[in-house]
C-alpha atoms as a PDB file:
ATOM      1  CA  UNK A   1       8.428  39.192  -4.680  1.00  0.00           C
ATOM      2  CA  UNK A   2       6.181  36.252  -3.891  1.00  0.00           C
ATOM      3  CA  UNK A   3       5.767  33.628  -6.582  1.00  0.00           C
ATOM      4  CA  UNK A   4       1.962  33.051  -6.658  1.00  0.00           C
ATOM      5  CA  UNK A   5      -0.022  30.617  -8.671  1.00  0.00           C
ATOM      6  CA  UNK A   6      -3.887  30.876  -8.738  1.00  0.00           C
ATOM      7  CA  UNK A   7      -5.684  27.822  -9.996  1.00  0.00           C
ATOM      8  CA  UNK A   8      -9.115  28.658 -11.380  1.00  0.00           C
ATOM      9  CA  UNK A   9     -11.280  25.592 -11.132  1.00  0.00           C
ATOM     10  CA  UNK A  10      -9.230  23.636  -8.643  1.00  0.00           C
ATOM     11  CA  UNK A  11     -10.712  20.178  -9.088  1.00  0.00           C
ATOM     12  CA  UNK A  12      -9.166  16.759  -9.660  1.00  0.00           C
ATOM     13  CA  UNK A  13      -6.387  18.061 -11.937  1.00  0.00           C
ATOM     14  CA  UNK A  14      -5.791  21.400 -10.261  1.00  0.00           C
ATOM     15  CA  UNK A  15      -5.287  19.741  -6.811  1.00  0.00           C
ATOM     16  CA  UNK A  16      -2.560  17.570  -8.166  1.00  0.00           C
ATOM     17  CA  UNK A  17      -0.587  20.692  -9.048  1.00  0.00           C
ATOM     18  CA  UNK A  18      -0.527  22.159  -5.582  1.00  0.00           C
ATOM     19  CA  UNK A  19       2.184  20.243  -3.690  1.00  0.00           C
ATOM     20  CA  UNK A  20       4.709  20.217  -6.517  1.00  0.00           C
ATOM     21  CA  UNK A  21       4.216  23.949  -7.009  1.00  0.00           C
ATOM     22  CA  UNK A  22       4.671  24.637  -3.241  1.00  0.00           C
ATOM     23  CA  UNK A  23       7.771  22.417  -3.254  1.00  0.00           C
ATOM     24  CA  UNK A  24       9.094  24.573  -6.184  1.00  0.00           C
ATOM     25  CA  UNK A  25       8.584  27.776  -4.162  1.00  0.00           C
ATOM     26  CA  UNK A  26       5.138  28.939  -5.205  1.00  0.00           C
ATOM     27  CA  UNK A  27       2.328  30.092  -3.061  1.00  0.00           C
ATOM     28  CA  UNK A  28      -0.865  28.305  -4.316  1.00  0.00           C
ATOM     29  CA  UNK A  29      -4.415  29.609  -4.304  1.00  0.00           C
ATOM     30  CA  UNK A  30      -7.359  27.552  -5.691  1.00  0.00           C
ATOM     31  CA  UNK A  31     -10.943  28.539  -6.582  1.00  0.00           C
ATOM     32  CA  UNK A  32     -14.108  26.461  -6.349  1.00  0.00           C
ATOM     33  CA  UNK A  33     -17.633  27.693  -7.095  1.00  0.00           C
ATOM     34  CA  UNK A  34     -19.038  27.064  -3.611  1.00  0.00           C
ATOM     35  CA  UNK A  35     -17.701  28.126  -0.217  1.00  0.00           C
ATOM     36  CA  UNK A  36     -17.967  24.572   1.146  1.00  0.00           C
ATOM     37  CA  UNK A  37     -15.934  23.207  -1.713  1.00  0.00           C
ATOM     38  CA  UNK A  38     -13.281  25.919  -1.325  1.00  0.00           C
ATOM     39  CA  UNK A  39     -13.008  25.279   2.368  1.00  0.00           C
ATOM     40  CA  UNK A  40     -12.530  21.564   1.651  1.00  0.00           C
ATOM     41  CA  UNK A  41      -9.503  22.044  -0.591  1.00  0.00           C
ATOM     42  CA  UNK A  42      -6.506  20.277   0.943  1.00  0.00           C
ATOM     43  CA  UNK A  43      -3.413  21.955   2.272  1.00  0.00           C
ATOM     44  CA  UNK A  44      -1.334  23.683   1.026  1.00  0.00           C
ATOM     45  CA  UNK A  45      -3.978  25.172  -1.249  1.00  0.00           C
ATOM     46  CA  UNK A  46      -5.486  28.506  -0.019  1.00  0.00           C
ATOM     47  CA  UNK A  47      -9.092  28.056  -1.187  1.00  0.00           C
ATOM     48  CA  UNK A  48     -11.460  30.836  -2.224  1.00  0.00           C
ATOM     49  CA  UNK A  49     -14.841  31.083  -3.876  1.00  0.00           C
ATOM     50  CA  UNK A  50     -15.208  32.194  -7.417  1.00  0.00           C
ATOM     51  CA  UNK A  51     -18.232  31.840  -9.763  1.00  0.00           C
ATOM     52  CA  UNK A  52     -17.263  33.663 -12.929  1.00  0.00           C
ATOM     53  CA  UNK A  53     -20.810  33.853 -14.435  1.00  0.00           C
ATOM     54  CA  UNK A  54     -22.222  35.546 -11.229  1.00  0.00           C
ATOM     55  CA  UNK A  55     -21.696  39.057  -9.799  1.00  0.00           C
ATOM     56  CA  UNK A  56     -18.302  39.215  -8.175  1.00  0.00           C
ATOM     57  CA  UNK A  57     -18.042  39.675  -4.442  1.00  0.00           C
ATOM     58  CA  UNK A  58     -14.884  41.150  -2.842  1.00  0.00           C
ATOM     59  CA  UNK A  59     -13.496  41.980  -6.268  1.00  0.00           C
ATOM     60  CA  UNK A  60     -10.714  44.118  -4.770  1.00  0.00           C
ATOM     61  CA  UNK A  61      -9.549  41.093  -2.779  1.00  0.00           C
ATOM     62  CA  UNK A  62      -9.603  38.938  -5.980  1.00  0.00           C
ATOM     63  CA  UNK A  63      -7.675  41.507  -7.989  1.00  0.00           C
ATOM     64  CA  UNK A  64      -5.051  41.693  -5.267  1.00  0.00           C
ATOM     65  CA  UNK A  65      -4.656  37.870  -5.378  1.00  0.00           C
ATOM     66  CA  UNK A  66      -4.376  37.892  -9.164  1.00  0.00           C
ATOM     67  CA  UNK A  67      -1.826  40.759  -9.236  1.00  0.00           C
ATOM     68  CA  UNK A  68       1.627  39.547 -10.356  1.00  0.00           C
ATOM     69  CA  UNK A  69       0.331  35.918 -10.191  1.00  0.00           C
ATOM     70  CA  UNK A  70       0.566  33.045 -12.588  1.00  0.00           C
ATOM     71  CA  UNK A  71      -3.010  31.908 -13.364  1.00  0.00           C
ATOM     72  CA  UNK A  72      -3.885  28.325 -14.305  1.00  0.00           C
ATOM     73  CA  UNK A  73      -7.339  28.005 -15.839  1.00  0.00           C
ATOM     74  CA  UNK A  74      -8.675  24.526 -15.387  1.00  0.00           C
ATOM     75  CA  UNK A  75     -12.303  25.167 -16.201  1.00  0.00           C
ATOM     76  CA  UNK A  76     -13.998  22.584 -18.410  1.00  0.00           C
ATOM     77  CA  UNK A  77     -17.110  23.399 -20.539  1.00  0.00           C
ATOM     78  CA  UNK A  78     -20.157  22.137 -18.752  1.00  0.00           C
ATOM     79  CA  UNK A  79     -22.516  19.762 -20.609  1.00  0.00           C
ATOM     80  CA  UNK A  80     -25.640  21.449 -19.198  1.00  0.00           C
ATOM     81  CA  UNK A  81     -24.805  25.110 -19.960  1.00  0.00           C
ATOM     82  CA  UNK A  82     -21.969  25.289 -22.537  1.00  0.00           C
ATOM     83  CA  UNK A  83     -22.720  28.902 -23.416  1.00  0.00           C
ATOM     84  CA  UNK A  84     -21.556  30.023 -20.028  1.00  0.00           C
ATOM     85  CA  UNK A  85     -18.093  28.641 -20.609  1.00  0.00           C
ATOM     86  CA  UNK A  86     -16.909  31.313 -23.041  1.00  0.00           C
ATOM     87  CA  UNK A  87     -18.378  34.119 -21.078  1.00  0.00           C
ATOM     88  CA  UNK A  88     -16.704  32.828 -17.958  1.00  0.00           C
ATOM     89  CA  UNK A  89     -13.357  32.763 -19.673  1.00  0.00           C
ATOM     90  CA  UNK A  90     -13.856  36.236 -21.091  1.00  0.00           C
ATOM     91  CA  UNK A  91     -14.524  37.564 -17.583  1.00  0.00           C
ATOM     92  CA  UNK A  92     -11.437  35.751 -16.257  1.00  0.00           C
ATOM     93  CA  UNK A  93      -9.234  37.236 -19.023  1.00  0.00           C
ATOM     94  CA  UNK A  94     -10.460  40.739 -18.193  1.00  0.00           C
ATOM     95  CA  UNK A  95      -9.861  40.247 -14.485  1.00  0.00           C
ATOM     96  CA  UNK A  96      -6.352  39.073 -15.031  1.00  0.00           C
ATOM     97  CA  UNK A  97      -5.503  42.009 -17.274  1.00  0.00           C
ATOM     98  CA  UNK A  98      -7.048  44.471 -14.850  1.00  0.00           C
ATOM     99  CA  UNK A  99      -5.095  42.916 -11.934  1.00  0.00           C
ATOM    100  CA  UNK A 100      -1.815  42.894 -13.766  1.00  0.00           C
ATOM    101  CA  UNK A 101      -1.163  39.127 -13.737  1.00  0.00           C
ATOM    102  CA  UNK A 102       2.192  37.621 -14.864  1.00  0.00           C
ATOM    103  CA  UNK A 103       0.744  35.132 -17.361  1.00  0.00           C
ATOM    104  CA  UNK A 104      -1.695  32.252 -17.682  1.00  0.00           C
ATOM    105  CA  UNK A 105      -1.944  28.644 -18.744  1.00  0.00           C
ATOM    106  CA  UNK A 106      -5.251  27.419 -20.069  1.00  0.00           C
ATOM    107  CA  UNK A 107      -6.038  23.754 -20.015  1.00  0.00           C
ATOM    108  CA  UNK A 108      -8.016  23.060 -23.165  1.00  0.00           C
ATOM    109  CA  UNK A 109      -8.542  19.621 -24.855  1.00  0.00           C
ATOM    110  CA  UNK A 110      -7.509  17.754 -28.010  1.00  0.00           C
ATOM    111  CA  UNK A 111     -11.266  17.451 -28.445  1.00  0.00           C
ATOM    112  CA  UNK A 112     -10.881  20.804 -30.274  1.00  0.00           C
ATOM    113  CA  UNK A 113      -9.767  18.646 -33.283  1.00  0.00           C
ATOM    114  CA  UNK A 114     -13.146  16.830 -33.385  1.00  0.00           C
ATOM    115  CA  UNK A 115     -14.279  16.570 -37.008  1.00  0.00           C
ATOM    116  CA  UNK A 116     -10.736  16.916 -38.481  1.00  0.00           C
ATOM    117  CA  UNK A 117      -8.804  13.883 -39.746  1.00  0.00           C
ATOM    118  CA  UNK A 118      -5.184  12.935 -40.391  1.00  0.00           C
ATOM    119  CA  UNK A 119      -1.990  14.140 -38.568  1.00  0.00           C
ATOM    120  CA  UNK A 120      -3.129  16.964 -36.350  1.00  0.00           C
ATOM    121  CA  UNK A 121      -0.815  19.654 -34.983  1.00  0.00           C
ATOM    122  CA  UNK A 122      -1.162  23.095 -33.360  1.00  0.00           C
ATOM    123  CA  UNK A 123      -1.529  24.729 -36.834  1.00  0.00           C
ATOM    124  CA  UNK A 124      -4.236  22.423 -38.154  1.00  0.00           C
ATOM    125  CA  UNK A 125      -7.420  24.269 -39.230  1.00  0.00           C
ATOM    126  CA  UNK A 126     -10.243  23.428 -36.861  1.00  0.00           C
ATOM    127  CA  UNK A 127     -13.794  22.328 -37.649  1.00  0.00           C
ATOM    128  CA  UNK A 128     -16.446  25.075 -37.848  1.00  0.00           C
ATOM    129  CA  UNK A 129     -19.324  22.628 -37.724  1.00  0.00           C
ATOM    130  CA  UNK A 130     -18.702  20.373 -34.730  1.00  0.00           C
ATOM    131  CA  UNK A 131     -20.339  22.138 -31.750  1.00  0.00           C
ATOM    132  CA  UNK A 132     -17.877  20.904 -29.068  1.00  0.00           C
ATOM    133  CA  UNK A 133     -14.829  21.765 -31.196  1.00  0.00           C
ATOM    134  CA  UNK A 134     -16.216  25.225 -31.836  1.00  0.00           C
ATOM    135  CA  UNK A 135     -16.922  25.780 -28.157  1.00  0.00           C
ATOM    136  CA  UNK A 136     -13.374  24.728 -27.128  1.00  0.00           C
ATOM    137  CA  UNK A 137     -11.789  26.953 -29.819  1.00  0.00           C
ATOM    138  CA  UNK A 138     -13.921  29.942 -28.706  1.00  0.00           C
ATOM    139  CA  UNK A 139     -12.763  29.334 -25.113  1.00  0.00           C
ATOM    140  CA  UNK A 140      -9.155  29.365 -26.221  1.00  0.00           C
ATOM    141  CA  UNK A 141      -9.619  32.536 -28.114  1.00  0.00           C
ATOM    142  CA  UNK A 142     -11.458  34.264 -25.255  1.00  0.00           C
ATOM    143  CA  UNK A 143      -8.230  34.076 -23.243  1.00  0.00           C
ATOM    144  CA  UNK A 144      -5.658  34.488 -25.984  1.00  0.00           C
ATOM    145  CA  UNK A 145      -7.235  37.597 -27.367  1.00  0.00           C
ATOM    146  CA  UNK A 146      -6.370  39.362 -24.094  1.00  0.00           C
ATOM    147  CA  UNK A 147      -2.676  38.345 -24.436  1.00  0.00           C
ATOM    148  CA  UNK A 148      -0.179  36.597 -22.260  1.00  0.00           C
ATOM    149  CA  UNK A 149      -2.016  33.281 -22.216  1.00  0.00           C
ATOM    150  CA  UNK A 150      -0.674  29.826 -23.260  1.00  0.00           C
ATOM    151  CA  UNK A 151      -3.126  27.070 -24.347  1.00  0.00           C
ATOM    152  CA  UNK A 152      -2.308  23.449 -23.525  1.00  0.00           C
ATOM    153  CA  UNK A 153      -4.529  21.074 -25.434  1.00  0.00           C
ATOM    154  CA  UNK A 154      -4.679  18.010 -23.187  1.00  0.00           C
ATOM    155  CA  UNK A 155      -5.287  14.462 -24.361  1.00  0.00           C
ATOM    156  CA  UNK A 156      -7.783  12.289 -22.544  1.00  0.00           C
ATOM    157  CA  UNK A 157      -6.804  12.457 -18.887  1.00  0.00           C
ATOM    158  CA  UNK A 158      -5.952   9.496 -16.657  1.00  0.00           C
ATOM    159  CA  UNK A 159      -4.279   9.428 -13.287  1.00  0.00           C
ATOM    160  CA  UNK A 160      -4.860   8.720  -9.596  1.00  0.00           C
ATOM    161  CA  UNK A 161      -8.317   7.348  -9.181  1.00  0.00           C
ATOM    162  CA  UNK A 162      -9.066   7.654 -12.844  1.00  0.00           C
ATOM    163  CA  UNK A 163      -8.044   4.381 -14.526  1.00  0.00           C
ATOM    164  CA  UNK A 164      -9.145   4.189 -18.194  1.00  0.00           C
ATOM    165  CA  UNK A 165     -10.321   0.550 -17.886  1.00  0.00           C
ATOM    166  CA  UNK A 166     -13.096   1.654 -15.522  1.00  0.00           C
ATOM    167  CA  UNK A 167     -14.642   3.842 -18.175  1.00  0.00           C
ATOM    168  CA  UNK A 168     -15.081   0.905 -20.628  1.00  0.00           C
ATOM    169  CA  UNK A 169     -16.864  -1.577 -18.347  1.00  0.00           C
ATOM    170  CA  UNK A 170     -19.919  -2.989 -20.125  1.00  0.00           C
ATOM    171  CA  UNK A 171     -19.327  -0.900 -23.259  1.00  0.00           C
ATOM    172  CA  UNK A 172     -18.698  -1.898 -26.852  1.00  0.00           C
ATOM    173  CA  UNK A 173     -16.074   0.364 -28.280  1.00  0.00           C
ATOM    174  CA  UNK A 174     -15.702   1.572 -31.841  1.00  0.00           C
ATOM    175  CA  UNK A 175     -12.652   2.321 -33.982  1.00  0.00           C
ATOM    176  CA  UNK A 176     -10.270  -0.392 -32.726  1.00  0.00           C
ATOM    177  CA  UNK A 177      -7.381   0.813 -34.835  1.00  0.00           C
ATOM    178  CA  UNK A 178      -7.839   4.515 -34.180  1.00  0.00           C
ATOM    179  CA  UNK A 179      -4.817   6.001 -32.320  1.00  0.00           C
ATOM    180  CA  UNK A 180      -5.515   6.927 -28.680  1.00  0.00           C
ATOM    181  CA  UNK A 181      -4.718  10.425 -27.417  1.00  0.00           C
ATOM    182  CA  UNK A 182      -4.265   9.869 -23.761  1.00  0.00           C
ATOM    183  CA  UNK A 183      -2.277  11.732 -21.027  1.00  0.00           C
ATOM    184  CA  UNK A 184      -1.350  11.114 -17.465  1.00  0.00           C
ATOM    185  CA  UNK A 185      -2.106  13.976 -15.098  1.00  0.00           C
ATOM    186  CA  UNK A 186       1.525  13.874 -13.925  1.00  0.00           C
ATOM    187  CA  UNK A 187       2.529  15.089 -17.358  1.00  0.00           C
ATOM    188  CA  UNK A 188       0.407  18.209 -16.869  1.00  0.00           C
ATOM    189  CA  UNK A 189       2.095  18.936 -13.535  1.00  0.00           C
ATOM    190  CA  UNK A 190       5.495  18.577 -15.078  1.00  0.00           C
ATOM    191  CA  UNK A 191       4.555  20.786 -17.986  1.00  0.00           C
ATOM    192  CA  UNK A 192       3.434  23.605 -15.714  1.00  0.00           C
ATOM    193  CA  UNK A 193       6.673  23.325 -13.652  1.00  0.00           C
ATOM    194  CA  UNK A 194       8.803  23.425 -16.841  1.00  0.00           C
ATOM    195  CA  UNK A 195       6.951  26.227 -18.550  1.00  0.00           C
ATOM    196  CA  UNK A 196       6.613  28.957 -15.871  1.00  0.00           C
ATOM    197  CA  UNK A 197      10.360  29.536 -15.480  1.00  0.00           C
ATOM    198  CA  UNK A 198      10.837  30.000 -19.224  1.00  0.00           C
ATOM    199  CA  UNK A 199       7.906  32.444 -19.808  1.00  0.00           C
ATOM    200  CA  UNK A 200       7.042  33.837 -22.287  1.00  0.00           C
ATOM    201  CA  UNK A 201       6.775  30.935 -24.691  1.00  0.00           C
ATOM    202  CA  UNK A 202       7.486  31.048 -28.430  1.00  0.00           C
ATOM    203  CA  UNK A 203       4.074  29.657 -29.348  1.00  0.00           C
ATOM    204  CA  UNK A 204       0.564  30.446 -28.041  1.00  0.00           C
ATOM    205  CA  UNK A 205      -0.531  26.769 -28.012  1.00  0.00           C
ATOM    206  CA  UNK A 206       0.858  23.257 -27.503  1.00  0.00           C
ATOM    207  CA  UNK A 207      -0.618  19.807 -27.672  1.00  0.00           C
ATOM    208  CA  UNK A 208       0.055  17.623 -24.686  1.00  0.00           C
ATOM    209  CA  UNK A 209      -0.592  13.840 -25.255  1.00  0.00           C
ATOM    210  CA  UNK A 210       1.537  10.739 -25.016  1.00  0.00           C
ATOM    211  CA  UNK A 211       3.312  10.822 -28.305  1.00  0.00           C
ATOM    212  CA  UNK A 212       3.798   7.141 -29.165  1.00  0.00           C
ATOM    213  CA  UNK A 213       1.397   5.739 -31.746  1.00  0.00           C
ATOM    214  CA  UNK A 214      -0.809   3.215 -29.941  1.00  0.00           C
ATOM    215  CA  UNK A 215      -4.158   1.869 -31.182  1.00  0.00           C
ATOM    216  CA  UNK A 216      -7.248   2.084 -29.168  1.00  0.00           C
ATOM    217  CA  UNK A 217      -7.533  -1.691 -29.058  1.00  0.00           C
ATOM    218  CA  UNK A 218      -3.985  -2.179 -27.833  1.00  0.00           C
ATOM    219  CA  UNK A 219      -4.323   0.532 -25.222  1.00  0.00           C
ATOM    220  CA  UNK A 220      -7.661  -0.672 -23.689  1.00  0.00           C
ATOM    221  CA  UNK A 221      -6.395  -4.303 -23.848  1.00  0.00           C
ATOM    222  CA  UNK A 222      -3.468  -3.273 -21.647  1.00  0.00           C
ATOM    223  CA  UNK A 223      -5.771  -1.218 -19.372  1.00  0.00           C
ATOM    224  CA  UNK A 224      -8.215  -3.998 -18.713  1.00  0.00           C
ATOM    225  CA  UNK A 225      -5.405  -6.571 -18.279  1.00  0.00           C
ATOM    226  CA  UNK A 226      -3.797  -4.327 -15.648  1.00  0.00           C
ATOM    227  CA  UNK A 227      -6.937  -4.533 -13.479  1.00  0.00           C
ATOM    228  CA  UNK A 228      -7.697  -8.157 -14.244  1.00  0.00           C
ATOM    229  CA  UNK A 229     -10.933  -7.182 -16.064  1.00  0.00           C
ATOM    230  CA  UNK A 230     -12.456  -8.729 -19.155  1.00  0.00           C
ATOM    231  CA  UNK A 231     -10.967  -7.454 -22.358  1.00  0.00           C
ATOM    232  CA  UNK A 232     -12.788  -4.562 -24.010  1.00  0.00           C
ATOM    233  CA  UNK A 233     -15.147  -5.467 -26.847  1.00  0.00           C
ATOM    234  CA  UNK A 234     -14.793  -3.583 -30.116  1.00  0.00           C
ATOM    235  CA  UNK A 235     -17.174  -3.082 -33.019  1.00  0.00           C
ATOM    236  CA  UNK A 236     -14.954  -4.035 -35.975  1.00  0.00           C
ATOM    237  CA  UNK A 237     -17.587  -3.397 -38.693  1.00  0.00           C
ATOM    238  CA  UNK A 238     -17.115   0.374 -38.761  1.00  0.00           C
ATOM    239  CA  UNK A 239     -13.993   2.428 -38.879  1.00  0.00           C
ATOM    240  CA  UNK A 240     -13.721   6.226 -38.368  1.00  0.00           C
ATOM    241  CA  UNK A 241     -11.255   8.308 -40.433  1.00  0.00           C
ATOM    242  CA  UNK A 242      -7.711   8.107 -38.975  1.00  0.00           C
ATOM    243  CA  UNK A 243      -6.726  10.850 -36.561  1.00  0.00           C
ATOM    244  CA  UNK A 244      -3.482  11.344 -34.603  1.00  0.00           C
ATOM    245  CA  UNK A 245      -2.639  14.379 -32.464  1.00  0.00           C
ATOM    246  CA  UNK A 246       1.045  15.336 -32.870  1.00  0.00           C
ATOM    247  CA  UNK A 247       2.427  16.401 -29.573  1.00  0.00           C
ATOM    248  CA  UNK A 248       6.195  16.811 -29.834  1.00  0.00           C
ATOM    249  CA  UNK A 249       6.386  20.526 -30.518  1.00  0.00           C
ATOM    250  CA  UNK A 250       6.369  21.206 -26.730  1.00  0.00           C
ATOM    251  CA  UNK A 251       9.561  19.140 -26.396  1.00  0.00           C
ATOM    252  CA  UNK A 252      11.157  20.941 -29.244  1.00  0.00           C
ATOM    253  CA  UNK A 253      10.491  24.449 -27.918  1.00  0.00           C
ATOM    254  CA  UNK A 254      10.593  24.030 -24.087  1.00  0.00           C
ATOM    255  CA  UNK A 255      12.446  22.106 -21.306  1.00  0.00           C
ATOM    256  CA  UNK A 256       9.445  19.759 -20.877  1.00  0.00           C
ATOM    257  CA  UNK A 257      10.003  16.056 -21.498  1.00  0.00           C
ATOM    258  CA  UNK A 258       7.328  13.368 -21.481  1.00  0.00           C
ATOM    259  CA  UNK A 259       7.562  10.792 -18.718  1.00  0.00           C
ATOM    260  CA  UNK A 260       5.208   8.301 -20.429  1.00  0.00           C
ATOM    261  CA  UNK A 261       5.869   8.445 -24.127  1.00  0.00           C
ATOM    262  CA  UNK A 262       3.739   5.319 -24.575  1.00  0.00           C
ATOM    263  CA  UNK A 263       0.262   5.801 -22.842  1.00  0.00           C
ATOM    264  CA  UNK A 264       0.299   2.166 -21.758  1.00  0.00           C
ATOM    265  CA  UNK A 265       3.290   2.821 -19.498  1.00  0.00           C
ATOM    266  CA  UNK A 266       1.183   5.260 -17.445  1.00  0.00           C
ATOM    267  CA  UNK A 267      -1.479   2.713 -16.506  1.00  0.00           C
ATOM    268  CA  UNK A 268       0.435   1.466 -13.371  1.00  0.00           C
ATOM    269  CA  UNK A 269       0.212   5.039 -11.963  1.00  0.00           C
ATOM    270  CA  UNK A 270      -3.558   5.314 -12.329  1.00  0.00           C
ATOM    271  CA  UNK A 271      -4.535   3.291  -9.286  1.00  0.00           C
END
């Protein structure tokens, strides 16, 4: 039996999964919305076109690809058309069930906790009034309701070509003492490699974010210093309610271990 992984939405993060998965013995397929983008995917990814909110072409071929495959859903909600996000995930869930897939991992976001304060874990009740939090939660449920899906709520992503200091240039930041919830993309790769062999998991959802408590000011000071940039400016007159995402349950329940427990230690690997 061939070990297949199908990455739906094979962009910046999904492409980083490919080589480690192939090295671990998996055959990797990756989807993009346009044929040109699919053809441009680097080896060893076998690219294909999939636009979930449009009529499906070659559905038999797609179902054969999904059959007995692990599916990684790396689709982010679009800013311009957020309503299409949930319907796209609903269609994906139905396709996977119809095809007889092995299981799926959905990359969600710790943004799902927007509007909730304090120590936040996977059992924390989510806001019903923050539009983005509601959208992310509905996306998670669209997949989990079909069964055999695991949600990974990812912290703010950094990694190759995505250095946090570059996002703060010329900006005045708020909430200097607020904890950061950041995550290097390499942690996502290691999580996938650690979780697939021990499927099914004991919980339907895990937070994934560097676990050490680091303030926003301390993190961005280290980030700008690493690139020799001016220190980030902070507005110290206002302070948001304290919010920290707890992210150690995945280590308690699975073989995964964080490489960068302190998010500042990941900055050197973001160039």
